[in-house]
Amino acid sequence: MFFVPSMPCPYPEAGPRAEHGMTFFCCVTRPRSAGQVTLSSADPLDRPVIDPNHLGEPEDLRVAMAGVRLNLEILRGRAFQSLRSHVCGTCEMGKDEVRQSP
């Protein structure tokens, strides 16, 4: 599990930001799943076929979900109570053609 405090860099499309941010992230660092890389053709310049097989083993999915649940448990704690104003994924993103039409 990773916890990364961050301050987003302003860019013209988003406008200036004066707020700090944070990211909670977890990943399976010792997966049981194994992917494979195969040739797509006899041409050495062709790109290979890459199948990472992420979460291909049930144990990997269980570990990943346990990490997500731990992140949520931490975020629901008293220490983060004042910071729970905006969770990623709830804000409008991009342009919506339907709403922009008159």
N, C-alpha and C. Protein backbone atom coordinates (compact mmCIF):
# COMPACT_ATOMS: atom_id res chain seq x y z
N MET A 1 0.85 -1.15 0.00
CA MET A 1 0.00 0.00 0.00
C MET A 1 0.90 1.22 0.00
N PHE A 2 0.48 2.24 -0.74
CA PHE A 2 1.22 3.48 -0.82
C PHE A 2 0.32 4.63 -0.41
N PHE A 3 0.87 5.60 0.28
CA PHE A 3 0.17 6.83 0.59
C PHE A 3 1.05 7.95 0.08
N VAL A 4 0.52 8.76 -0.81
CA VAL A 4 1.33 9.80 -1.45
C VAL A 4 0.66 11.16 -1.27
N PRO A 5 1.21 12.02 -0.40
CA PRO A 5 0.69 13.38 -0.36
C PRO A 5 1.14 14.11 -1.62
N SER A 6 0.31 14.96 -2.14
CA SER A 6 0.68 15.63 -3.38
C SER A 6 0.07 17.02 -3.44
N MET A 7 0.68 17.86 -4.25
CA MET A 7 0.12 19.16 -4.57
C MET A 7 0.03 19.21 -6.07
N PRO A 8 -1.17 19.19 -6.62
CA PRO A 8 -1.32 19.16 -8.07
C PRO A 8 -0.70 20.39 -8.72
N CYS A 9 -0.02 20.17 -9.82
CA CYS A 9 0.54 21.27 -10.59
C CYS A 9 -0.58 21.89 -11.41
N PRO A 10 -0.72 23.21 -11.38
CA PRO A 10 -1.76 23.83 -12.19
C PRO A 10 -1.43 23.72 -13.68
N TYR A 11 -2.43 23.54 -14.46
CA TYR A 11 -2.26 23.58 -15.91
C TYR A 11 -3.43 24.38 -16.47
N PRO A 12 -3.26 24.99 -17.63
CA PRO A 12 -4.25 25.96 -18.13
C PRO A 12 -5.68 25.45 -18.19
N GLU A 13 -5.88 24.20 -18.56
CA GLU A 13 -7.23 23.68 -18.71
C GLU A 13 -7.98 23.57 -17.38
N ALA A 14 -7.25 23.36 -16.31
CA ALA A 14 -7.89 23.16 -15.01
C ALA A 14 -7.97 24.44 -14.19
N GLY A 15 -7.16 25.40 -14.51
CA GLY A 15 -7.11 26.61 -13.70
C GLY A 15 -6.24 26.41 -12.49
N PRO A 16 -5.95 27.46 -11.76
CA PRO A 16 -5.05 27.34 -10.61
C PRO A 16 -5.70 26.56 -9.46
N ARG A 17 -4.89 25.85 -8.71
CA ARG A 17 -5.37 25.08 -7.55
C ARG A 17 -4.57 25.51 -6.34
N ALA A 18 -5.23 25.79 -5.27
CA ALA A 18 -4.56 26.17 -4.03
C ALA A 18 -4.62 25.05 -2.99
N GLU A 19 -5.25 23.94 -3.34
CA GLU A 19 -5.45 22.86 -2.38
C GLU A 19 -4.40 21.78 -2.55
N HIS A 20 -4.14 21.10 -1.47
CA HIS A 20 -3.25 19.95 -1.51
C HIS A 20 -4.09 18.71 -1.79
N GLY A 21 -3.45 17.63 -2.14
CA GLY A 21 -4.18 16.40 -2.39
C GLY A 21 -3.42 15.21 -1.82
N MET A 22 -4.03 14.06 -1.94
CA MET A 22 -3.36 12.83 -1.51
C MET A 22 -3.89 11.68 -2.34
N THR A 23 -3.09 10.66 -2.42
CA THR A 23 -3.45 9.48 -3.17
C THR A 23 -3.22 8.25 -2.30
N PHE A 24 -4.19 7.39 -2.24
CA PHE A 24 -4.03 6.08 -1.61
C PHE A 24 -4.01 5.07 -2.74
N PHE A 25 -3.08 4.16 -2.69
CA PHE A 25 -2.91 3.21 -3.78
C PHE A 25 -2.43 1.90 -3.19
N CYS A 26 -2.91 0.80 -3.69
CA CYS A 26 -2.40 -0.49 -3.28
C CYS A 26 -2.20 -1.36 -4.51
N CYS A 27 -1.27 -2.28 -4.42
CA CYS A 27 -1.04 -3.20 -5.53
C CYS A 27 -0.52 -4.52 -4.98
N VAL A 28 -0.62 -5.54 -5.78
CA VAL A 28 -0.12 -6.86 -5.42
C VAL A 28 1.35 -6.90 -5.83
N THR A 29 2.23 -6.89 -4.84
CA THR A 29 3.66 -6.82 -5.15
C THR A 29 4.31 -8.18 -5.37
N ARG A 30 3.65 -9.23 -4.94
CA ARG A 30 4.16 -10.60 -5.18
C ARG A 30 3.03 -11.45 -5.76
N PRO A 31 2.64 -11.16 -6.99
CA PRO A 31 1.50 -11.88 -7.57
C PRO A 31 1.82 -13.35 -7.84
N ARG A 32 0.80 -14.15 -7.74
CA ARG A 32 0.91 -15.56 -8.14
C ARG A 32 0.60 -15.70 -9.64
N SER A 33 -0.13 -14.73 -10.17
CA SER A 33 -0.47 -14.75 -11.60
C SER A 33 0.78 -14.55 -12.43
N ALA A 34 0.81 -15.17 -13.57
CA ALA A 34 1.93 -14.99 -14.49
C ALA A 34 1.36 -14.71 -15.88
N GLY A 35 1.87 -13.69 -16.50
CA GLY A 35 1.45 -13.37 -17.86
C GLY A 35 2.39 -14.01 -18.86
N GLN A 36 2.24 -13.58 -20.11
CA GLN A 36 3.14 -14.11 -21.13
C GLN A 36 3.33 -13.10 -22.25
N VAL A 37 4.46 -13.20 -22.89
CA VAL A 37 4.78 -12.39 -24.06
C VAL A 37 5.04 -13.36 -25.19
N THR A 38 4.32 -13.19 -26.30
CA THR A 38 4.51 -14.06 -27.46
C THR A 38 4.73 -13.21 -28.70
N LEU A 39 5.32 -13.82 -29.69
CA LEU A 39 5.53 -13.13 -30.96
C LEU A 39 4.21 -13.05 -31.72
N SER A 40 3.99 -11.92 -32.39
CA SER A 40 2.77 -11.78 -33.17
C SER A 40 2.97 -12.27 -34.60
N SER A 41 4.24 -12.35 -35.03
CA SER A 41 4.54 -12.84 -36.37
C SER A 41 6.05 -13.14 -36.45
N ALA A 42 6.49 -13.56 -37.60
CA ALA A 42 7.92 -13.83 -37.80
C ALA A 42 8.70 -12.54 -38.05
N ASP A 43 8.01 -11.43 -38.27
CA ASP A 43 8.66 -10.14 -38.52
C ASP A 43 9.19 -9.59 -37.19
N PRO A 44 10.50 -9.40 -37.05
CA PRO A 44 11.06 -8.92 -35.79
C PRO A 44 10.65 -7.48 -35.46
N LEU A 45 10.13 -6.75 -36.44
CA LEU A 45 9.70 -5.37 -36.18
C LEU A 45 8.25 -5.28 -35.71
N ASP A 46 7.49 -6.37 -35.81
CA ASP A 46 6.13 -6.38 -35.31
C ASP A 46 6.14 -6.37 -33.78
N ARG A 47 5.15 -5.74 -33.22
CA ARG A 47 5.05 -5.69 -31.76
C ARG A 47 4.65 -7.06 -31.23
N PRO A 48 5.17 -7.41 -30.06
CA PRO A 48 4.78 -8.69 -29.46
C PRO A 48 3.36 -8.60 -28.89
N VAL A 49 2.79 -9.75 -28.62
CA VAL A 49 1.49 -9.84 -27.96
C VAL A 49 1.79 -9.99 -26.47
N ILE A 50 1.30 -9.04 -25.67
CA ILE A 50 1.57 -9.05 -24.23
C ILE A 50 0.26 -9.29 -23.49
N ASP A 51 0.23 -10.35 -22.71
CA ASP A 51 -0.92 -10.66 -21.87
C ASP A 51 -0.43 -10.65 -20.42
N PRO A 52 -0.67 -9.56 -19.69
CA PRO A 52 -0.16 -9.48 -18.31
C PRO A 52 -0.88 -10.42 -17.34
N ASN A 53 -2.09 -10.84 -17.68
CA ASN A 53 -2.87 -11.74 -16.83
C ASN A 53 -3.01 -11.22 -15.40
N HIS A 54 -3.21 -9.90 -15.29
CA HIS A 54 -3.38 -9.30 -13.96
C HIS A 54 -4.55 -9.96 -13.24
N LEU A 55 -4.34 -10.28 -11.99
CA LEU A 55 -5.36 -10.89 -11.12
C LEU A 55 -5.90 -12.20 -11.69
N GLY A 56 -5.07 -12.90 -12.41
CA GLY A 56 -5.48 -14.18 -12.99
C GLY A 56 -5.64 -15.29 -11.96
N GLU A 57 -5.01 -15.13 -10.82
CA GLU A 57 -5.14 -16.10 -9.72
C GLU A 57 -6.07 -15.53 -8.66
N PRO A 58 -6.99 -16.33 -8.13
CA PRO A 58 -7.92 -15.84 -7.11
C PRO A 58 -7.22 -15.20 -5.90
N GLU A 59 -6.07 -15.73 -5.51
CA GLU A 59 -5.35 -15.17 -4.35
C GLU A 59 -4.91 -13.73 -4.63
N ASP A 60 -4.52 -13.42 -5.86
CA ASP A 60 -4.12 -12.06 -6.22
C ASP A 60 -5.30 -11.09 -6.09
N LEU A 61 -6.46 -11.52 -6.50
CA LEU A 61 -7.65 -10.69 -6.38
C LEU A 61 -8.00 -10.48 -4.90
N ARG A 62 -7.88 -11.53 -4.10
CA ARG A 62 -8.16 -11.42 -2.67
C ARG A 62 -7.21 -10.41 -2.01
N VAL A 63 -5.92 -10.47 -2.34
CA VAL A 63 -4.94 -9.55 -1.78
C VAL A 63 -5.22 -8.11 -2.23
N ALA A 64 -5.55 -7.92 -3.49
CA ALA A 64 -5.85 -6.59 -4.01
C ALA A 64 -7.07 -6.00 -3.30
N MET A 65 -8.10 -6.79 -3.14
CA MET A 65 -9.32 -6.31 -2.48
C MET A 65 -9.06 -6.01 -1.00
N ALA A 66 -8.21 -6.79 -0.36
CA ALA A 66 -7.86 -6.52 1.04
C ALA A 66 -7.14 -5.17 1.14
N GLY A 67 -6.30 -4.86 0.16
CA GLY A 67 -5.62 -3.57 0.15
C GLY A 67 -6.59 -2.41 -0.02
N VAL A 68 -7.57 -2.57 -0.90
CA VAL A 68 -8.58 -1.53 -1.11
C VAL A 68 -9.39 -1.34 0.17
N ARG A 69 -9.77 -2.44 0.80
CA ARG A 69 -10.55 -2.34 2.04
C ARG A 69 -9.75 -1.65 3.16
N LEU A 70 -8.46 -1.94 3.23
CA LEU A 70 -7.60 -1.30 4.23
C LEU A 70 -7.51 0.21 3.96
N ASN A 71 -7.36 0.59 2.69
CA ASN A 71 -7.34 2.01 2.34
C ASN A 71 -8.62 2.69 2.80
N LEU A 72 -9.76 2.06 2.52
CA LEU A 72 -11.05 2.64 2.92
C LEU A 72 -11.17 2.74 4.44
N GLU A 73 -10.69 1.74 5.14
CA GLU A 73 -10.74 1.77 6.60
C GLU A 73 -9.91 2.94 7.14
N ILE A 74 -8.73 3.14 6.58
CA ILE A 74 -7.88 4.26 7.00
C ILE A 74 -8.55 5.60 6.70
N LEU A 75 -9.10 5.72 5.50
CA LEU A 75 -9.73 6.97 5.10
C LEU A 75 -10.99 7.29 5.92
N ARG A 76 -11.64 6.28 6.44
CA ARG A 76 -12.85 6.51 7.25
C ARG A 76 -12.51 6.85 8.70
N GLY A 77 -11.23 6.81 9.05
CA GLY A 77 -10.81 7.10 10.42
C GLY A 77 -10.93 8.57 10.77
N ARG A 78 -10.85 8.86 12.06
CA ARG A 78 -10.99 10.24 12.53
C ARG A 78 -9.92 11.15 11.97
N ALA A 79 -8.72 10.65 11.76
CA ALA A 79 -7.62 11.50 11.27
C ALA A 79 -7.93 12.12 9.92
N PHE A 80 -8.76 11.49 9.13
CA PHE A 80 -9.06 11.99 7.79
C PHE A 80 -10.45 12.61 7.69
N GLN A 81 -11.14 12.75 8.81
CA GLN A 81 -12.51 13.25 8.80
C GLN A 81 -12.63 14.61 8.11
N SER A 82 -11.72 15.52 8.37
CA SER A 82 -11.80 16.86 7.80
C SER A 82 -11.42 16.90 6.32
N LEU A 83 -10.82 15.84 5.82
CA LEU A 83 -10.35 15.82 4.43
C LEU A 83 -11.30 15.09 3.50
N ARG A 84 -12.40 14.60 3.97
CA ARG A 84 -13.31 13.79 3.17
C ARG A 84 -14.28 14.61 2.33
N SER A 85 -13.90 15.78 1.91
CA SER A 85 -14.83 16.63 1.18
C SER A 85 -15.02 16.21 -0.27
N HIS A 86 -14.03 15.55 -0.86
CA HIS A 86 -14.15 15.20 -2.27
C HIS A 86 -13.38 13.91 -2.56
N VAL A 87 -14.09 12.91 -2.96
CA VAL A 87 -13.47 11.63 -3.31
C VAL A 87 -13.30 11.58 -4.82
N CYS A 88 -12.19 11.09 -5.27
CA CYS A 88 -11.90 11.01 -6.71
C CYS A 88 -13.00 10.24 -7.44
N GLY A 89 -13.38 10.74 -8.58
CA GLY A 89 -14.37 10.05 -9.39
C GLY A 89 -15.76 10.63 -9.27
N THR A 90 -15.96 11.61 -8.40
CA THR A 90 -17.28 12.18 -8.24
C THR A 90 -17.43 13.53 -8.95
N CYS A 91 -16.34 14.05 -9.49
CA CYS A 91 -16.43 15.36 -10.13
C CYS A 91 -16.64 15.21 -11.63
N GLU A 92 -17.15 16.27 -12.24
CA GLU A 92 -17.33 16.28 -13.69
C GLU A 92 -15.97 16.31 -14.37
N MET A 93 -15.83 15.56 -15.43
CA MET A 93 -14.57 15.54 -16.16
C MET A 93 -14.86 15.60 -17.65
N GLY A 94 -14.05 16.35 -18.37
CA GLY A 94 -14.20 16.42 -19.81
C GLY A 94 -15.36 17.29 -20.24
N LYS A 95 -15.66 17.21 -21.50
CA LYS A 95 -16.74 18.01 -22.07
C LYS A 95 -17.91 17.11 -22.39
N ASP A 96 -19.09 17.57 -22.07
CA ASP A 96 -20.30 16.83 -22.32
C ASP A 96 -21.06 17.54 -23.44
N GLU A 97 -21.10 16.94 -24.61
CA GLU A 97 -21.71 17.56 -25.77
C GLU A 97 -23.19 17.86 -25.54
N VAL A 98 -23.88 16.99 -24.81
CA VAL A 98 -25.31 17.17 -24.60
C VAL A 98 -25.57 18.42 -23.74
N ARG A 99 -24.82 18.59 -22.67
CA ARG A 99 -25.03 19.73 -21.77
C ARG A 99 -24.60 21.04 -22.41
N GLN A 100 -23.66 21.00 -23.32
CA GLN A 100 -23.16 22.22 -23.92
C GLN A 100 -24.04 22.72 -25.05
N SER A 101 -24.90 21.89 -25.56
CA SER A 101 -25.74 22.34 -26.66
C SER A 101 -26.86 23.24 -26.13
N PRO A 102 -27.27 24.26 -26.91
CA PRO A 102 -28.28 25.21 -26.42
C PRO A 102 -29.66 24.59 -26.28
